[in-house]
C-alpha atoms as a PDB file:
ATOM      1  CA  ASP A   1     100.814   4.033 -48.554  1.00  0.00           C
ATOM      2  CA  GLN A   2     104.031   2.367 -48.733  1.00  0.00           C
ATOM      3  CA  LEU A   3     103.647   0.375 -45.386  1.00  0.00           C
ATOM      4  CA  THR A   4     102.454  -3.077 -45.370  1.00  0.00           C
ATOM      5  CA  ALA A   5      99.333  -3.823 -43.114  1.00  0.00           C
ATOM      6  CA  ARG A   6     101.462  -5.368 -40.482  1.00  0.00           C
ATOM      7  CA  GLU A   7     103.745  -2.500 -40.484  1.00  0.00           C
ATOM      8  CA  GLN A   8     100.895  -0.304 -40.076  1.00  0.00           C
ATOM      9  CA  GLU A   9      99.702  -2.075 -37.246  1.00  0.00           C
ATOM     10  CA  VAL A  10     102.906  -2.118 -35.542  1.00  0.00           C
ATOM     11  CA  LEU A  11     103.108   1.875 -35.972  1.00  0.00           C
ATOM     12  CA  LYS A  12      99.806   1.950 -34.240  1.00  0.00           C
ATOM     13  CA  HIS A  13     101.314   0.308 -31.109  1.00  0.00           C
ATOM     14  CA  ILE A  14     104.326   2.396 -31.133  1.00  0.00           C
ATOM     15  CA  ALA A  15     102.124   5.353 -31.106  1.00  0.00           C
ATOM     16  CA  ALA A  16     100.426   3.717 -27.961  1.00  0.00           C
ATOM     17  CA  GLY A  17     103.824   3.647 -26.260  1.00  0.00           C
ATOM     18  CA  GLN A  18     104.349   0.290 -26.146  1.00  0.00           C
ATOM     19  CA  SER A  19     107.553  -1.538 -26.020  1.00  0.00           C
ATOM     20  CA  ASN A  20     108.908  -4.093 -28.909  1.00  0.00           C
ATOM     21  CA  LYS A  21     108.160  -6.785 -26.195  1.00  0.00           C
ATOM     22  CA  GLN A  22     104.587  -5.732 -25.636  1.00  0.00           C
ATOM     23  CA  ILE A  23     103.999  -5.194 -29.177  1.00  0.00           C
ATOM     24  CA  ALA A  24     105.310  -8.780 -30.088  1.00  0.00           C
ATOM     25  CA  ARG A  25     103.093 -10.302 -27.338  1.00  0.00           C
ATOM     26  CA  ASP A  26      99.944  -8.382 -28.425  1.00  0.00           C
ATOM     27  CA  LEU A  27     100.549  -9.316 -32.195  1.00  0.00           C
ATOM     28  CA  ASP A  28     101.793 -12.670 -31.477  1.00  0.00           C
ATOM     29  CA  LEU A  29     105.164 -12.122 -32.921  1.00  0.00           C
ATOM     30  CA  SER A  30     108.747 -12.312 -31.878  1.00  0.00           C
ATOM     31  CA  VAL A  31     110.566  -9.427 -30.337  1.00  0.00           C
ATOM     32  CA  ARG A  32     112.859  -9.736 -33.465  1.00  0.00           C
ATOM     33  CA  THR A  33     110.419  -9.626 -35.927  1.00  0.00           C
ATOM     34  CA  VAL A  34     108.885  -6.343 -34.388  1.00  0.00           C
ATOM     35  CA  GLU A  35     112.389  -4.838 -34.459  1.00  0.00           C
ATOM     36  CA  THR A  36     112.371  -5.960 -38.140  1.00  0.00           C
ATOM     37  CA  HIS A  37     109.189  -3.883 -38.688  1.00  0.00           C
ATOM     38  CA  ARG A  38     110.303  -0.894 -37.038  1.00  0.00           C
ATOM     39  CA  LEU A  39     113.747  -0.876 -39.067  1.00  0.00           C
ATOM     40  CA  ASN A  40     111.705  -1.411 -42.329  1.00  0.00           C
ATOM     41  CA  ILE A  41     109.067   1.433 -41.452  1.00  0.00           C
ATOM     42  CA  LYS A  42     112.139   3.802 -40.591  1.00  0.00           C
ATOM     43  CA  ARG A  43     113.977   2.875 -44.097  1.00  0.00           C
ATOM     44  CA  LYS A  44     110.414   3.503 -45.995  1.00  0.00           C
ATOM     45  CA  LEU A  45     109.778   6.640 -44.437  1.00  0.00           C
ATOM     46  CA  GLY A  46     113.365   7.882 -44.629  1.00  0.00           C
ATOM     47  CA  ILE A  47     113.092   8.222 -40.542  1.00  0.00           C
ATOM     48  CA  GLU A  48     116.480   8.288 -38.746  1.00  0.00           C
ATOM     49  CA  GLY A  49     115.904   7.443 -35.065  1.00  0.00           C
ATOM     50  CA  GLN A  50     113.546   6.123 -32.605  1.00  0.00           C
ATOM     51  CA  ALA A  51     112.303   9.517 -31.523  1.00  0.00           C
ATOM     52  CA  GLU A  52     111.470  10.754 -34.870  1.00  0.00           C
ATOM     53  CA  LEU A  53     109.779   7.165 -35.423  1.00  0.00           C
ATOM     54  CA  ILE A  54     107.600   7.719 -32.378  1.00  0.00           C
ATOM     55  CA  ARG A  55     106.825  11.107 -33.281  1.00  0.00           C
ATOM     56  CA  PHE A  56     105.486  10.091 -36.580  1.00  0.00           C
ATOM     57  CA  ALA A  57     103.603   7.416 -35.111  1.00  0.00           C
ATOM     58  CA  VAL A  58     101.839   9.732 -32.769  1.00  0.00           C
ATOM     59  CA  GLN A  59     101.214  12.239 -35.448  1.00  0.00           C
ATOM     60  CA  ARG A  60      99.570   9.853 -37.630  1.00  0.00           C
ATOM     61  CA  ALA A  61      97.492   8.244 -35.074  1.00  0.00           C
ATOM     62  CA  GLY A  62      96.293  11.506 -34.160  1.00  0.00           C
ATOM     63  CA  ALA A  63      95.284  12.132 -37.863  1.00  0.00           C
ATOM     64  CA  ASP A  64      93.404   8.738 -38.219  1.00  0.00           C
END
């Protein structure tokens, strides 16, 4: 898998429907760091928008 462990963790929280602020609080990160992880995930996976990222995260969560 091309995502780091932290990016995979953020992706799981995205699949759960959490906001950047909620993810940051749960993972003890800054909101800016969560935003950066989201951008890196989208870049690595070739995903364009937030809706596509959420759809991917939910599908992946269902496959785990």
